[in-house]
Amino acid sequence: SVHPGGSLRLSCAPSGFSLSHYYIG
């Protein structure tokens, strides 16, 4: 939860594969 104007950083970790050959949406 954050107020308008604030910031958050979301993280995404793959399970069982490498990101090197993919394009992340």
PDB file of all heavy atoms in Angstrom:
ATOM      1  N   SER A   1       0.838  -1.195   0.000  1.00  0.00           N
ATOM      2  CA  SER A   1       0.000   0.000   0.000  1.00  0.00           C
ATOM      3  C   SER A   1       0.870   1.241   0.000  1.00  0.00           C
ATOM      4  O   SER A   1       1.874   1.309   0.719  1.00  0.00           O
ATOM      5  CB  SER A   1      -0.919   0.009   1.221  1.00  0.00           C
ATOM      6  OG  SER A   1      -1.823  -1.079   1.190  1.00  0.00           O
ATOM      7  N   VAL A   2       0.479   2.222  -0.803  1.00  0.00           N
ATOM      8  CA  VAL A   2       1.260   3.444  -0.936  1.00  0.00           C
ATOM      9  C   VAL A   2       0.325   4.605  -1.233  1.00  0.00           C
ATOM     10  O   VAL A   2      -0.748   4.415  -1.818  1.00  0.00           O
ATOM     11  CB  VAL A   2       2.328   3.284  -2.040  1.00  0.00           C
ATOM     12  CG1 VAL A   2       1.671   3.076  -3.405  1.00  0.00           C
ATOM     13  CG2 VAL A   2       3.293   4.450  -2.066  1.00  0.00           C
ATOM     14  N   HIS A   3       0.710   5.804  -0.818  1.00  0.00           N
ATOM     15  CA  HIS A   3      -0.071   7.003  -1.118  1.00  0.00           C
ATOM     16  C   HIS A   3       0.208   7.482  -2.538  1.00  0.00           C
ATOM     17  O   HIS A   3       1.265   7.195  -3.108  1.00  0.00           O
ATOM     18  CB  HIS A   3       0.274   8.116  -0.132  1.00  0.00           C
ATOM     19  CG  HIS A   3      -0.106   7.832   1.280  1.00  0.00           C
ATOM     20  ND1 HIS A   3      -1.403   7.534   1.647  1.00  0.00           N
ATOM     21  CD2 HIS A   3       0.635   7.795   2.412  1.00  0.00           C
ATOM     22  CE1 HIS A   3      -1.441   7.330   2.950  1.00  0.00           C
ATOM     23  NE2 HIS A   3      -0.219   7.484   3.437  1.00  0.00           N
ATOM     24  N   PRO A   4      -0.740   8.219  -3.139  1.00  0.00           N
ATOM     25  CA  PRO A   4      -0.465   8.808  -4.445  1.00  0.00           C
ATOM     26  C   PRO A   4       0.830   9.609  -4.430  1.00  0.00           C
ATOM     27  O   PRO A   4       1.107  10.344  -3.483  1.00  0.00           O
ATOM     28  CB  PRO A   4      -1.681   9.703  -4.697  1.00  0.00           C
ATOM     29  CG  PRO A   4      -2.772   9.053  -3.915  1.00  0.00           C
ATOM     30  CD  PRO A   4      -2.104   8.517  -2.671  1.00  0.00           C
ATOM     31  N   GLY A   5       1.619   9.458  -5.482  1.00  0.00           N
ATOM     32  CA  GLY A   5       2.908  10.117  -5.573  1.00  0.00           C
ATOM     33  C   GLY A   5       4.061   9.311  -5.022  1.00  0.00           C
ATOM     34  O   GLY A   5       5.222   9.685  -5.237  1.00  0.00           O
ATOM     35  N   GLY A   6       3.769   8.216  -4.346  1.00  0.00           N
ATOM     36  CA  GLY A   6       4.795   7.384  -3.762  1.00  0.00           C
ATOM     37  C   GLY A   6       5.415   6.423  -4.757  1.00  0.00           C
ATOM     38  O   GLY A   6       5.125   6.463  -5.955  1.00  0.00           O
ATOM     39  N   SER A   7       6.263   5.531  -4.238  1.00  0.00           N
ATOM     40  CA  SER A   7       7.013   4.609  -5.079  1.00  0.00           C
ATOM     41  C   SER A   7       6.987   3.201  -4.512  1.00  0.00           C
ATOM     42  O   SER A   7       6.884   2.995  -3.294  1.00  0.00           O
ATOM     43  CB  SER A   7       8.474   5.062  -5.200  1.00  0.00           C
ATOM     44  OG  SER A   7       8.586   6.317  -5.837  1.00  0.00           O
ATOM     45  N   LEU A   8       7.094   2.233  -5.404  1.00  0.00           N
ATOM     46  CA  LEU A   8       7.261   0.830  -5.062  1.00  0.00           C
ATOM     47  C   LEU A   8       8.189   0.201  -6.080  1.00  0.00           C
ATOM     48  O   LEU A   8       8.259   0.648  -7.230  1.00  0.00           O
ATOM     49  CB  LEU A   8       5.926   0.079  -5.085  1.00  0.00           C
ATOM     50  CG  LEU A   8       4.934   0.321  -3.963  1.00  0.00           C
ATOM     51  CD1 LEU A   8       3.606  -0.354  -4.298  1.00  0.00           C
ATOM     52  CD2 LEU A   8       5.473  -0.206  -2.644  1.00  0.00           C
ATOM     53  N   ARG A   9       8.884  -0.843  -5.665  1.00  0.00           N
ATOM     54  CA  ARG A   9       9.710  -1.619  -6.578  1.00  0.00           C
ATOM     55  C   ARG A   9       9.256  -3.069  -6.538  1.00  0.00           C
ATOM     56  O   ARG A   9       9.366  -3.728  -5.503  1.00  0.00           O
ATOM     57  CB  ARG A   9      11.188  -1.520  -6.210  1.00  0.00           C
ATOM     58  CG  ARG A   9      12.119  -2.123  -7.268  1.00  0.00           C
ATOM     59  CD  ARG A   9      13.538  -2.227  -6.759  1.00  0.00           C
ATOM     60  NE  ARG A   9      14.481  -2.522  -7.816  1.00  0.00           N
ATOM     61  CZ  ARG A   9      15.732  -2.917  -7.615  1.00  0.00           C
ATOM     62  NH1 ARG A   9      16.183  -3.049  -6.373  1.00  0.00           N
ATOM     63  NH2 ARG A   9      16.528  -3.157  -8.642  1.00  0.00           N
ATOM     64  N   LEU A  10       8.754  -3.552  -7.654  1.00  0.00           N
ATOM     65  CA  LEU A  10       8.313  -4.923  -7.767  1.00  0.00           C
ATOM     66  C   LEU A  10       9.437  -5.791  -8.306  1.00  0.00           C
ATOM     67  O   LEU A  10      10.206  -5.362  -9.160  1.00  0.00           O
ATOM     68  CB  LEU A  10       7.100  -5.026  -8.690  1.00  0.00           C
ATOM     69  CG  LEU A  10       5.937  -4.078  -8.397  1.00  0.00           C
ATOM     70  CD1 LEU A  10       4.784  -4.351  -9.350  1.00  0.00           C
ATOM     71  CD2 LEU A  10       5.484  -4.194  -6.951  1.00  0.00           C
ATOM     72  N   SER A  11       9.515  -7.016  -7.812  1.00  0.00           N
ATOM     73  CA  SER A  11      10.515  -7.969  -8.262  1.00  0.00           C
ATOM     74  C   SER A  11       9.830  -9.188  -8.851  1.00  0.00           C
ATOM     75  O   SER A  11       8.726  -9.553  -8.444  1.00  0.00           O
ATOM     76  CB  SER A  11      11.425  -8.402  -7.108  1.00  0.00           C
ATOM     77  OG  SER A  11      12.128  -7.308  -6.570  1.00  0.00           O
ATOM     78  N   CYS A  12      10.500  -9.820  -9.791  1.00  0.00           N
ATOM     79  CA  CYS A  12       9.979 -11.013 -10.442  1.00  0.00           C
ATOM     80  C   CYS A  12      11.111 -12.008 -10.595  1.00  0.00           C
ATOM     81  O   CYS A  12      12.134 -11.703 -11.209  1.00  0.00           O
ATOM     82  CB  CYS A  12       9.383 -10.654 -11.805  1.00  0.00           C
ATOM     83  SG  CYS A  12       8.636 -12.032 -12.689  1.00  0.00           S
ATOM     84  N   ALA A  13      10.929 -13.188 -10.017  1.00  0.00           N
ATOM     85  CA  ALA A  13      11.942 -14.229 -10.053  1.00  0.00           C
ATOM     86  C   ALA A  13      11.416 -15.432 -10.828  1.00  0.00           C
ATOM     87  O   ALA A  13      10.348 -15.958 -10.502  1.00  0.00           O
ATOM     88  CB  ALA A  13      12.331 -14.646  -8.641  1.00  0.00           C
ATOM     89  N   PRO A  14      12.138 -15.887 -11.837  1.00  0.00           N
ATOM     90  CA  PRO A  14      11.699 -17.081 -12.557  1.00  0.00           C
ATOM     91  C   PRO A  14      11.929 -18.328 -11.733  1.00  0.00           C
ATOM     92  O   PRO A  14      12.814 -18.386 -10.881  1.00  0.00           O
ATOM     93  CB  PRO A  14      12.574 -17.079 -13.810  1.00  0.00           C
ATOM     94  CG  PRO A  14      13.830 -16.405 -13.367  1.00  0.00           C
ATOM     95  CD  PRO A  14      13.402 -15.359 -12.366  1.00  0.00           C
ATOM     96  N   SER A  15      11.123 -19.332 -12.007  1.00  0.00           N
ATOM     97  CA  SER A  15      11.237 -20.613 -11.329  1.00  0.00           C
ATOM     98  C   SER A  15      11.674 -21.669 -12.331  1.00  0.00           C
ATOM     99  O   SER A  15      10.895 -22.059 -13.202  1.00  0.00           O
ATOM    100  CB  SER A  15       9.905 -21.004 -10.692  1.00  0.00           C
ATOM    101  OG  SER A  15       9.996 -22.264 -10.050  1.00  0.00           O
ATOM    102  N   GLY A  16      12.926 -22.095 -12.232  1.00  0.00           N
ATOM    103  CA  GLY A  16      13.394 -23.210 -13.017  1.00  0.00           C
ATOM    104  C   GLY A  16      13.848 -22.911 -14.431  1.00  0.00           C
ATOM    105  O   GLY A  16      14.012 -23.855 -15.216  1.00  0.00           O
ATOM    106  N   PHE A  17      14.060 -21.648 -14.777  1.00  0.00           N
ATOM    107  CA  PHE A  17      14.565 -21.326 -16.103  1.00  0.00           C
ATOM    108  C   PHE A  17      15.325 -20.010 -16.074  1.00  0.00           C
ATOM    109  O   PHE A  17      15.185 -19.213 -15.152  1.00  0.00           O
ATOM    110  CB  PHE A  17      13.443 -21.285 -17.151  1.00  0.00           C
ATOM    111  CG  PHE A  17      12.469 -20.164 -16.965  1.00  0.00           C
ATOM    112  CD1 PHE A  17      12.590 -18.997 -17.701  1.00  0.00           C
ATOM    113  CD2 PHE A  17      11.420 -20.276 -16.074  1.00  0.00           C
ATOM    114  CE1 PHE A  17      11.683 -17.961 -17.549  1.00  0.00           C
ATOM    115  CE2 PHE A  17      10.511 -19.253 -15.905  1.00  0.00           C
ATOM    116  CZ  PHE A  17      10.645 -18.092 -16.647  1.00  0.00           C
ATOM    117  N   SER A  18      16.112 -19.774 -17.104  1.00  0.00           N
ATOM    118  CA  SER A  18      16.904 -18.563 -17.230  1.00  0.00           C
ATOM    119  C   SER A  18      16.143 -17.510 -18.017  1.00  0.00           C
ATOM    120  O   SER A  18      15.422 -17.823 -18.969  1.00  0.00           O
ATOM    121  CB  SER A  18      18.238 -18.867 -17.921  1.00  0.00           C
ATOM    122  OG  SER A  18      18.944 -17.677 -18.213  1.00  0.00           O
ATOM    123  N   LEU A  19      16.322 -16.241 -17.643  1.00  0.00           N
ATOM    124  CA  LEU A  19      15.688 -15.129 -18.344  1.00  0.00           C
ATOM    125  C   LEU A  19      16.402 -14.738 -19.625  1.00  0.00           C
ATOM    126  O   LEU A  19      15.869 -13.927 -20.391  1.00  0.00           O
ATOM    127  CB  LEU A  19      15.620 -13.905 -17.432  1.00  0.00           C
ATOM    128  CG  LEU A  19      14.758 -14.023 -16.185  1.00  0.00           C
ATOM    129  CD1 LEU A  19      14.942 -12.786 -15.319  1.00  0.00           C
ATOM    130  CD2 LEU A  19      13.303 -14.194 -16.569  1.00  0.00           C
ATOM    131  N   SER A  20      17.563 -15.268 -19.878  1.00  0.00           N
ATOM    132  CA  SER A  20      18.421 -14.766 -20.941  1.00  0.00           C
ATOM    133  C   SER A  20      17.794 -14.840 -22.324  1.00  0.00           C
ATOM    134  O   SER A  20      18.164 -14.064 -23.206  1.00  0.00           O
ATOM    135  CB  SER A  20      19.758 -15.501 -20.928  1.00  0.00           C
ATOM    136  OG  SER A  20      19.579 -16.891 -21.157  1.00  0.00           O
ATOM    137  N   HIS A  21      16.878 -15.757 -22.543  1.00  0.00           N
ATOM    138  CA  HIS A  21      16.264 -15.937 -23.861  1.00  0.00           C
ATOM    139  C   HIS A  21      14.819 -15.452 -23.919  1.00  0.00           C
ATOM    140  O   HIS A  21      14.111 -15.782 -24.875  1.00  0.00           O
ATOM    141  CB  HIS A  21      16.324 -17.402 -24.266  1.00  0.00           C
ATOM    142  CG  HIS A  21      17.715 -17.947 -24.359  1.00  0.00           C
ATOM    143  ND1 HIS A  21      18.604 -17.525 -25.315  1.00  0.00           N
ATOM    144  CD2 HIS A  21      18.373 -18.860 -23.603  1.00  0.00           C
ATOM    145  CE1 HIS A  21      19.747 -18.162 -25.161  1.00  0.00           C
ATOM    146  NE2 HIS A  21      19.632 -18.980 -24.132  1.00  0.00           N
ATOM    147  N   TYR A  22      14.392 -14.654 -22.953  1.00  0.00           N
ATOM    148  CA  TYR A  22      13.002 -14.245 -22.872  1.00  0.00           C
ATOM    149  C   TYR A  22      12.845 -12.741 -22.835  1.00  0.00           C
ATOM    150  O   TYR A  22      13.786 -11.990 -22.574  1.00  0.00           O
ATOM    151  CB  TYR A  22      12.333 -14.876 -21.643  1.00  0.00           C
ATOM    152  CG  TYR A  22      12.097 -16.353 -21.788  1.00  0.00           C
ATOM    153  CD1 TYR A  22      13.044 -17.273 -21.343  1.00  0.00           C
ATOM    154  CD2 TYR A  22      10.935 -16.834 -22.385  1.00  0.00           C
ATOM    155  CE1 TYR A  22      12.837 -18.635 -21.490  1.00  0.00           C
ATOM    156  CE2 TYR A  22      10.726 -18.191 -22.527  1.00  0.00           C
ATOM    157  CZ  TYR A  22      11.680 -19.078 -22.082  1.00  0.00           C
ATOM    158  OH  TYR A  22      11.466 -20.436 -22.225  1.00  0.00           O
ATOM    159  N   TYR A  23      11.622 -12.319 -23.086  1.00  0.00           N
ATOM    160  CA  TYR A  23      11.212 -10.927 -23.039  1.00  0.00           C
ATOM    161  C   TYR A  23      10.102 -10.832 -22.004  1.00  0.00           C
ATOM    162  O   TYR A  23       9.083 -11.513 -22.103  1.00  0.00           O
ATOM    163  CB  TYR A  23      10.755 -10.464 -24.417  1.00  0.00           C
ATOM    164  CG  TYR A  23      11.844 -10.672 -25.442  1.00  0.00           C
ATOM    165  CD1 TYR A  23      12.006 -11.907 -26.064  1.00  0.00           C
ATOM    166  CD2 TYR A  23      12.743  -9.659 -25.743  1.00  0.00           C
ATOM    167  CE1 TYR A  23      13.036 -12.115 -26.971  1.00  0.00           C
ATOM    168  CE2 TYR A  23      13.772  -9.858 -26.647  1.00  0.00           C
ATOM    169  CZ  TYR A  23      13.908 -11.087 -27.256  1.00  0.00           C
ATOM    170  OH  TYR A  23      14.935 -11.291 -28.154  1.00  0.00           O
ATOM    171  N   ILE A  24      10.319 -10.001 -20.990  1.00  0.00           N
ATOM    172  CA  ILE A  24       9.470  -9.993 -19.807  1.00  0.00           C
ATOM    173  C   ILE A  24       8.414  -8.904 -19.915  1.00  0.00           C
ATOM    174  O   ILE A  24       8.736  -7.741 -20.169  1.00  0.00           O
ATOM    175  CB  ILE A  24      10.295  -9.798 -18.531  1.00  0.00           C
ATOM    176  CG1 ILE A  24      11.454 -10.800 -18.485  1.00  0.00           C
ATOM    177  CG2 ILE A  24       9.394  -9.931 -17.300  1.00  0.00           C
ATOM    178  CD1 ILE A  24      11.023 -12.258 -18.588  1.00  0.00           C
ATOM    179  N   GLY A  25       7.173  -9.295 -19.708  1.00  0.00           N
ATOM    180  CA  GLY A  25       6.077  -8.353 -19.680  1.00  0.00           C
ATOM    181  C   GLY A  25       5.519  -8.189 -18.283  1.00  0.00           C
ATOM    182  O   GLY A  25       5.499  -9.136 -17.495  1.00  0.00           O
TER     183      GLY A  25
END
